[in-house]
């Protein structure tokens, strides 16, 4: 999988610090916003019920047009005032570490630990965004001077088809990484 690197896989059955899914570091077009308390349950139900477009083909031109409309609506909602939900904002490409269980990404400002956030991102090769509700589990301080602080987010609600797409992406990225490593480690004849 182009753009993906480094992963780890562990099983939760092996203990509390063990992982259930592969994690991969990659660059994704992604956006997020903090959800108000009144939005959380309805958003979770909507995501779990609707998921993606149900497999129906979607014209990429229509998606681009709808994204522009959504961006304009977000700006209008932002003008209404602070009593309304914050706009989701447009998708921006960021480095993330992602798995079927959650993700880690840079976030300024960082939402407080325990906050619920709406996340939308595009997996490589897809024109339909994955939507999920996540809970900020911890703040991660940058190890490189000048780097943005990160948040670690556990998915609270994600449609099963979206999680499967994410798991497939992670496994494919791991296969590519292992192939590249085995080619690099071959002795030169």
Foldseek 3Di string as FASTA:
>chain_A
DPFKDDWDAFCCVVDPVHHHAIKIKGKWFKWKFFDDPVCPVVVQVCQQVCAWPVPDDDDLVVLVVVLVVLQVVQVVQVVVDDVDGHRRHGTDIFIWIDILFWIKGFDVPDDDQQTKMWMWIDDPPDSIIWIFIWGFHDKAQDPDPPDGTMTTTTTPHGYPVSSVVRRVSSVVSVVVNVVVVVVVPDDDD
